[in-house]
């Protein structure tokens, strides 16, 4: 990817009004500019304060979909 392709997106993002870009991953691919939206679920919590891989596996559906 060339700087000439990426620079316009970076400049536009920096000049965007405050609060208009949140949770976005911006991309450039040739002549196409796009964004991915991310989301945050409420999450899951480890009673002990740390997770094991088994804990995460047991709560996987809730972790991805939220309560």
PDB file of N, CA and C in Angstrom:
ATOM      1  N   UNK A   1       0.844  -1.169   0.000  1.00  0.00           N
ATOM      2  CA  UNK A   1       0.000   0.000   0.000  1.00  0.00           C
ATOM      3  C   UNK A   1       0.891   1.234   0.000  1.00  0.00           C
ATOM      4  N   UNK A   2       0.518   2.166  -0.812  1.00  0.00           N
ATOM      5  CA  UNK A   2       1.315   3.377  -0.956  1.00  0.00           C
ATOM      6  C   UNK A   2       0.836   4.481  -0.028  1.00  0.00           C
ATOM      7  N   UNK A   3       1.773   5.294   0.414  1.00  0.00           N
ATOM      8  CA  UNK A   3       1.441   6.430   1.261  1.00  0.00           C
ATOM      9  C   UNK A   3       0.409   7.319   0.566  1.00  0.00           C
ATOM     10  N   UNK A   4       0.537   7.463  -0.737  1.00  0.00           N
ATOM     11  CA  UNK A   4      -0.389   8.309  -1.494  1.00  0.00           C
ATOM     12  C   UNK A   4      -1.828   7.795  -1.408  1.00  0.00           C
ATOM     13  N   UNK A   5      -1.999   6.506  -1.188  1.00  0.00           N
ATOM     14  CA  UNK A   5      -3.340   5.930  -1.060  1.00  0.00           C
ATOM     15  C   UNK A   5      -3.900   6.112   0.350  1.00  0.00           C
ATOM     16  N   UNK A   6      -3.052   6.031   1.340  1.00  0.00           N
ATOM     17  CA  UNK A   6      -3.479   6.055   2.736  1.00  0.00           C
ATOM     18  C   UNK A   6      -3.614   7.480   3.281  1.00  0.00           C
ATOM     19  N   UNK A   7      -2.738   8.367   2.864  1.00  0.00           N
ATOM     20  CA  UNK A   7      -2.696   9.721   3.422  1.00  0.00           C
ATOM     21  C   UNK A   7      -4.034  10.460   3.365  1.00  0.00           C
ATOM     22  N   UNK A   8      -4.802  10.402   2.251  1.00  0.00           N
ATOM     23  CA  UNK A   8      -6.080  11.121   2.244  1.00  0.00           C
ATOM     24  C   UNK A   8      -7.046  10.627   3.323  1.00  0.00           C
ATOM     25  N   UNK A   9      -7.062   9.328   3.596  1.00  0.00           N
ATOM     26  CA  UNK A   9      -7.938   8.789   4.638  1.00  0.00           C
ATOM     27  C   UNK A   9      -7.489   9.280   6.014  1.00  0.00           C
ATOM     28  N   UNK A  10      -6.209   9.272   6.259  1.00  0.00           N
ATOM     29  CA  UNK A  10      -5.683   9.730   7.546  1.00  0.00           C
ATOM     30  C   UNK A  10      -6.027  11.202   7.756  1.00  0.00           C
ATOM     31  N   UNK A  11      -5.809  12.015   6.741  1.00  0.00           N
ATOM     32  CA  UNK A  11      -6.110  13.440   6.865  1.00  0.00           C
ATOM     33  C   UNK A  11      -7.601  13.680   7.089  1.00  0.00           C
ATOM     34  N   UNK A  12      -8.448  12.968   6.350  1.00  0.00           N
ATOM     35  CA  UNK A  12      -9.895  13.122   6.520  1.00  0.00           C
ATOM     36  C   UNK A  12     -10.322  12.698   7.925  1.00  0.00           C
ATOM     37  N   UNK A  13      -9.759  11.614   8.433  1.00  0.00           N
ATOM     38  CA  UNK A  13     -10.105  11.138   9.777  1.00  0.00           C
ATOM     39  C   UNK A  13      -9.665  12.140  10.843  1.00  0.00           C
ATOM     40  N   UNK A  14      -8.481  12.707  10.668  1.00  0.00           N
ATOM     41  CA  UNK A  14      -7.998  13.693  11.636  1.00  0.00           C
ATOM     42  C   UNK A  14      -8.817  14.975  11.602  1.00  0.00           C
ATOM     43  N   UNK A  15      -9.362  15.312  10.430  1.00  0.00           N
ATOM     44  CA  UNK A  15     -10.140  16.539  10.283  1.00  0.00           C
ATOM     45  C   UNK A  15     -11.625  16.342  10.580  1.00  0.00           C
ATOM     46  N   UNK A  16     -12.054  15.116  10.813  1.00  0.00           N
ATOM     47  CA  UNK A  16     -13.472  14.839  11.069  1.00  0.00           C
ATOM     48  C   UNK A  16     -13.928  15.541  12.341  1.00  0.00           C
ATOM     49  N   UNK A  17     -15.186  15.977  12.362  1.00  0.00           N
ATOM     50  CA  UNK A  17     -15.702  16.619  13.578  1.00  0.00           C
ATOM     51  C   UNK A  17     -15.582  15.683  14.783  1.00  0.00           C
ATOM     52  N   UNK A  18     -15.313  16.231  15.954  1.00  0.00           N
ATOM     53  CA  UNK A  18     -15.183  15.404  17.157  1.00  0.00           C
ATOM     54  C   UNK A  18     -16.420  14.532  17.364  1.00  0.00           C
ATOM     55  N   UNK A  19     -16.182  13.286  17.750  1.00  0.00           N
ATOM     56  CA  UNK A  19     -17.266  12.370  18.054  1.00  0.00           C
ATOM     57  C   UNK A  19     -17.893  11.678  16.861  1.00  0.00           C
ATOM     58  N   UNK A  20     -17.421  11.955  15.650  1.00  0.00           N
ATOM     59  CA  UNK A  20     -18.032  11.321  14.481  1.00  0.00           C
ATOM     60  C   UNK A  20     -17.390   9.994  14.118  1.00  0.00           C
ATOM     61  N   UNK A  21     -16.211   9.747  14.630  1.00  0.00           N
ATOM     62  CA  UNK A  21     -15.542   8.471  14.375  1.00  0.00           C
ATOM     63  C   UNK A  21     -15.339   7.785  15.716  1.00  0.00           C
ATOM     64  N   UNK A  22     -16.025   6.674  15.899  1.00  0.00           N
ATOM     65  CA  UNK A  22     -15.909   5.932  17.150  1.00  0.00           C
ATOM     66  C   UNK A  22     -16.161   4.466  16.854  1.00  0.00           C
ATOM     67  N   UNK A  23     -15.232   3.623  17.217  1.00  0.00           N
ATOM     68  CA  UNK A  23     -15.387   2.198  16.966  1.00  0.00           C
ATOM     69  C   UNK A  23     -15.227   1.840  15.508  1.00  0.00           C
ATOM     70  N   UNK A  24     -14.494   2.636  14.763  1.00  0.00           N
ATOM     71  CA  UNK A  24     -14.316   2.404  13.335  1.00  0.00           C
ATOM     72  C   UNK A  24     -12.899   1.930  13.042  1.00  0.00           C
ATOM     73  N   UNK A  25     -12.781   1.024  12.108  1.00  0.00           N
ATOM     74  CA  UNK A  25     -11.504   0.664  11.518  1.00  0.00           C
ATOM     75  C   UNK A  25     -11.622   1.077  10.066  1.00  0.00           C
ATOM     76  N   UNK A  26     -10.809   2.029   9.656  1.00  0.00           N
ATOM     77  CA  UNK A  26     -10.893   2.567   8.307  1.00  0.00           C
ATOM     78  C   UNK A  26      -9.923   1.839   7.399  1.00  0.00           C
ATOM     79  N   UNK A  27     -10.303   1.691   6.137  1.00  0.00           N
ATOM     80  CA  UNK A  27      -9.452   0.982   5.196  1.00  0.00           C
ATOM     81  C   UNK A  27      -9.470   1.609   3.817  1.00  0.00           C
ATOM     82  N   UNK A  28      -8.410   1.346   3.098  1.00  0.00           N
ATOM     83  CA  UNK A  28      -8.267   1.764   1.702  1.00  0.00           C
ATOM     84  C   UNK A  28      -7.782   0.543   0.929  1.00  0.00           C
ATOM     85  N   UNK A  29      -8.428   0.266  -0.174  1.00  0.00           N
ATOM     86  CA  UNK A  29      -7.996  -0.822  -1.055  1.00  0.00           C
ATOM     87  C   UNK A  29      -8.141  -0.321  -2.493  1.00  0.00           C
ATOM     88  N   UNK A  30      -7.044   0.120  -3.052  1.00  0.00           N
ATOM     89  CA  UNK A  30      -7.098   0.672  -4.400  1.00  0.00           C
ATOM     90  C   UNK A  30      -8.009   1.879  -4.434  1.00  0.00           C
ATOM     91  N   UNK A  31      -9.060   1.832  -5.245  1.00  0.00           N
ATOM     92  CA  UNK A  31      -9.998   2.933  -5.363  1.00  0.00           C
ATOM     93  C   UNK A  31     -11.179   2.842  -4.427  1.00  0.00           C
ATOM     94  N   UNK A  32     -11.112   2.004  -3.433  1.00  0.00           N
ATOM     95  CA  UNK A  32     -12.229   1.820  -2.492  1.00  0.00           C
ATOM     96  C   UNK A  32     -11.816   2.251  -1.091  1.00  0.00           C
ATOM     97  N   UNK A  33     -12.628   3.100  -0.459  1.00  0.00           N
ATOM     98  CA  UNK A  33     -12.448   3.482   0.941  1.00  0.00           C
ATOM     99  C   UNK A  33     -13.623   2.891   1.711  1.00  0.00           C
ATOM    100  N   UNK A  34     -13.367   2.360   2.892  1.00  0.00           N
ATOM    101  CA  UNK A  34     -14.424   1.684   3.649  1.00  0.00           C
ATOM    102  C   UNK A  34     -14.124   1.720   5.135  1.00  0.00           C
ATOM    103  N   UNK A  35     -15.109   1.303   5.927  1.00  0.00           N
ATOM    104  CA  UNK A  35     -14.893   1.176   7.370  1.00  0.00           C
ATOM    105  C   UNK A  35     -15.531  -0.107   7.863  1.00  0.00           C
ATOM    106  N   UNK A  36     -14.943  -0.635   8.917  1.00  0.00           N
ATOM    107  CA  UNK A  36     -15.522  -1.741   9.667  1.00  0.00           C
ATOM    108  C   UNK A  36     -16.044  -1.134  10.953  1.00  0.00           C
ATOM    109  N   UNK A  37     -17.201  -1.541  11.373  1.00  0.00           N
ATOM    110  CA  UNK A  37     -17.707  -1.108  12.674  1.00  0.00           C
ATOM    111  C   UNK A  37     -17.452  -2.222  13.673  1.00  0.00           C
ATOM    112  N   UNK A  38     -17.002  -1.834  14.820  1.00  0.00           N
ATOM    113  CA  UNK A  38     -16.788  -2.805  15.888  1.00  0.00           C
ATOM    114  C   UNK A  38     -17.884  -2.628  16.929  1.00  0.00           C
ATOM    115  N   UNK A  39     -18.066  -3.624  17.731  1.00  0.00           N
ATOM    116  CA  UNK A  39     -19.058  -3.531  18.797  1.00  0.00           C
ATOM    117  C   UNK A  39     -18.458  -4.099  20.071  1.00  0.00           C
ATOM    118  N   UNK A  40     -19.023  -3.699  21.161  1.00  0.00           N
ATOM    119  CA  UNK A  40     -18.578  -4.208  22.445  1.00  0.00           C
ATOM    120  C   UNK A  40     -19.783  -4.813  23.154  1.00  0.00           C
ATOM    121  N   UNK A  41     -19.645  -6.065  23.568  1.00  0.00           N
ATOM    122  CA  UNK A  41     -20.702  -6.710  24.350  1.00  0.00           C
ATOM    123  C   UNK A  41     -20.476  -6.368  25.818  1.00  0.00           C
ATOM    124  N   UNK A  42     -21.450  -6.640  26.661  1.00  0.00           N
ATOM    125  CA  UNK A  42     -21.236  -6.396  28.097  1.00  0.00           C
ATOM    126  C   UNK A  42     -20.074  -7.212  28.654  1.00  0.00           C
ATOM    127  N   UNK A  43     -19.736  -8.314  27.995  1.00  0.00           N
ATOM    128  CA  UNK A  43     -18.612  -9.124  28.434  1.00  0.00           C
ATOM    129  C   UNK A  43     -18.991 -10.131  29.508  1.00  0.00           C
ATOM    130  N   UNK A  44     -18.006 -10.837  29.944  1.00  0.00           N
ATOM    131  CA  UNK A  44     -18.151 -11.811  31.025  1.00  0.00           C
ATOM    132  C   UNK A  44     -17.058 -11.508  32.045  1.00  0.00           C
ATOM    133  N   UNK A  45     -17.254 -11.958  33.233  1.00  0.00           N
ATOM    134  CA  UNK A  45     -16.319 -11.648  34.308  1.00  0.00           C
ATOM    135  C   UNK A  45     -15.820 -12.922  34.972  1.00  0.00           C
ATOM    136  N   UNK A  46     -14.560 -12.920  35.324  1.00  0.00           N
ATOM    137  CA  UNK A  46     -13.954 -14.046  36.038  1.00  0.00           C
ATOM    138  C   UNK A  46     -14.108 -13.789  37.531  1.00  0.00           C
ATOM    139  N   UNK A  47     -14.728 -14.716  38.201  1.00  0.00           N
ATOM    140  CA  UNK A  47     -14.922 -14.554  39.644  1.00  0.00           C
ATOM    141  C   UNK A  47     -13.591 -14.436  40.377  1.00  0.00           C
ATOM    142  N   UNK A  48     -12.579 -15.132  39.879  1.00  0.00           N
ATOM    143  CA  UNK A  48     -11.271 -15.100  40.530  1.00  0.00           C
ATOM    144  C   UNK A  48     -10.421 -13.907  40.107  1.00  0.00           C
ATOM    145  N   UNK A  49     -10.896 -13.167  39.117  1.00  0.00           N
ATOM    146  CA  UNK A  49     -10.120 -12.031  38.623  1.00  0.00           C
ATOM    147  C   UNK A  49      -9.262 -12.363  37.414  1.00  0.00           C
ATOM    148  N   UNK A  50      -9.082 -13.649  37.122  1.00  0.00           N
ATOM    149  CA  UNK A  50      -8.344 -14.072  35.934  1.00  0.00           C
ATOM    150  C   UNK A  50      -9.099 -15.214  35.265  1.00  0.00           C
ATOM    151  N   UNK A  51      -8.874 -15.370  33.980  1.00  0.00           N
ATOM    152  CA  UNK A  51      -9.536 -16.416  33.211  1.00  0.00           C
ATOM    153  C   UNK A  51      -8.589 -17.562  32.892  1.00  0.00           C
ATOM    154  N   UNK A  52      -9.139 -18.741  32.831  1.00  0.00           N
ATOM    155  CA  UNK A  52      -8.452 -19.862  32.200  1.00  0.00           C
ATOM    156  C   UNK A  52      -9.086 -20.016  30.817  1.00  0.00           C
ATOM    157  N   UNK A  53      -8.438 -20.753  29.945  1.00  0.00           N
ATOM    158  CA  UNK A  53      -9.033 -20.984  28.630  1.00  0.00           C
ATOM    159  C   UNK A  53     -10.355 -21.740  28.775  1.00  0.00           C
ATOM    160  N   UNK A  54     -10.464 -22.589  29.766  1.00  0.00           N
ATOM    161  CA  UNK A  54     -11.721 -23.317  30.013  1.00  0.00           C
ATOM    162  C   UNK A  54     -12.834 -22.352  30.422  1.00  0.00           C
ATOM    163  N   UNK A  55     -12.511 -21.379  31.286  1.00  0.00           N
ATOM    164  CA  UNK A  55     -13.505 -20.371  31.690  1.00  0.00           C
ATOM    165  C   UNK A  55     -14.051 -19.639  30.468  1.00  0.00           C
ATOM    166  N   UNK A  56     -13.157 -19.208  29.602  1.00  0.00           N
ATOM    167  CA  UNK A  56     -13.572 -18.469  28.402  1.00  0.00           C
ATOM    168  C   UNK A  56     -14.403 -19.371  27.501  1.00  0.00           C
ATOM    169  N   UNK A  57     -13.967 -20.602  27.321  1.00  0.00           N
ATOM    170  CA  UNK A  57     -14.726 -21.545  26.507  1.00  0.00           C
ATOM    171  C   UNK A  57     -16.122 -21.781  27.044  1.00  0.00           C
ATOM    172  N   UNK A  58     -16.232 -21.890  28.351  1.00  0.00           N
ATOM    173  CA  UNK A  58     -17.537 -22.117  28.984  1.00  0.00           C
ATOM    174  C   UNK A  58     -18.478 -20.930  28.800  1.00  0.00           C
ATOM    175  N   UNK A  59     -17.931 -19.735  28.652  1.00  0.00           N
ATOM    176  CA  UNK A  59     -18.743 -18.524  28.541  1.00  0.00           C
ATOM    177  C   UNK A  59     -18.728 -17.925  27.131  1.00  0.00           C
ATOM    178  N   UNK A  60     -18.258 -18.709  26.169  1.00  0.00           N
ATOM    179  CA  UNK A  60     -18.033 -18.213  24.815  1.00  0.00           C
ATOM    180  C   UNK A  60     -19.269 -17.555  24.190  1.00  0.00           C
ATOM    181  N   UNK A  61     -20.413 -18.225  24.242  1.00  0.00           N
ATOM    182  CA  UNK A  61     -21.623 -17.676  23.629  1.00  0.00           C
ATOM    183  C   UNK A  61     -22.007 -16.339  24.262  1.00  0.00           C
ATOM    184  N   UNK A  62     -21.977 -16.272  25.569  1.00  0.00           N
ATOM    185  CA  UNK A  62     -22.304 -15.027  26.261  1.00  0.00           C
ATOM    186  C   UNK A  62     -21.288 -13.929  25.951  1.00  0.00           C
ATOM    187  N   UNK A  63     -20.030 -14.313  25.866  1.00  0.00           N
ATOM    188  CA  UNK A  63     -18.970 -13.358  25.544  1.00  0.00           C
ATOM    189  C   UNK A  63     -19.211 -12.700  24.187  1.00  0.00           C
ATOM    190  N   UNK A  64     -19.579 -13.494  23.197  1.00  0.00           N
ATOM    191  CA  UNK A  64     -19.766 -12.962  21.837  1.00  0.00           C
ATOM    192  C   UNK A  64     -21.088 -12.239  21.646  1.00  0.00           C
ATOM    193  N   UNK A  65     -22.135 -12.708  22.275  1.00  0.00           N
ATOM    194  CA  UNK A  65     -23.470 -12.159  22.024  1.00  0.00           C
ATOM    195  C   UNK A  65     -23.908 -11.154  23.077  1.00  0.00           C
ATOM    196  N   UNK A  66     -23.328 -11.221  24.244  1.00  0.00           N
ATOM    197  CA  UNK A  66     -23.740 -10.334  25.329  1.00  0.00           C
ATOM    198  C   UNK A  66     -24.960 -10.889  26.041  1.00  0.00           C
ATOM    199  N   UNK A  67     -25.200 -10.377  27.192  1.00  0.00           N
ATOM    200  CA  UNK A  67     -26.327 -10.855  28.017  1.00  0.00           C
ATOM    201  C   UNK A  67     -27.650 -10.343  27.488  1.00  0.00           C
TER     202      UNK A  67
END
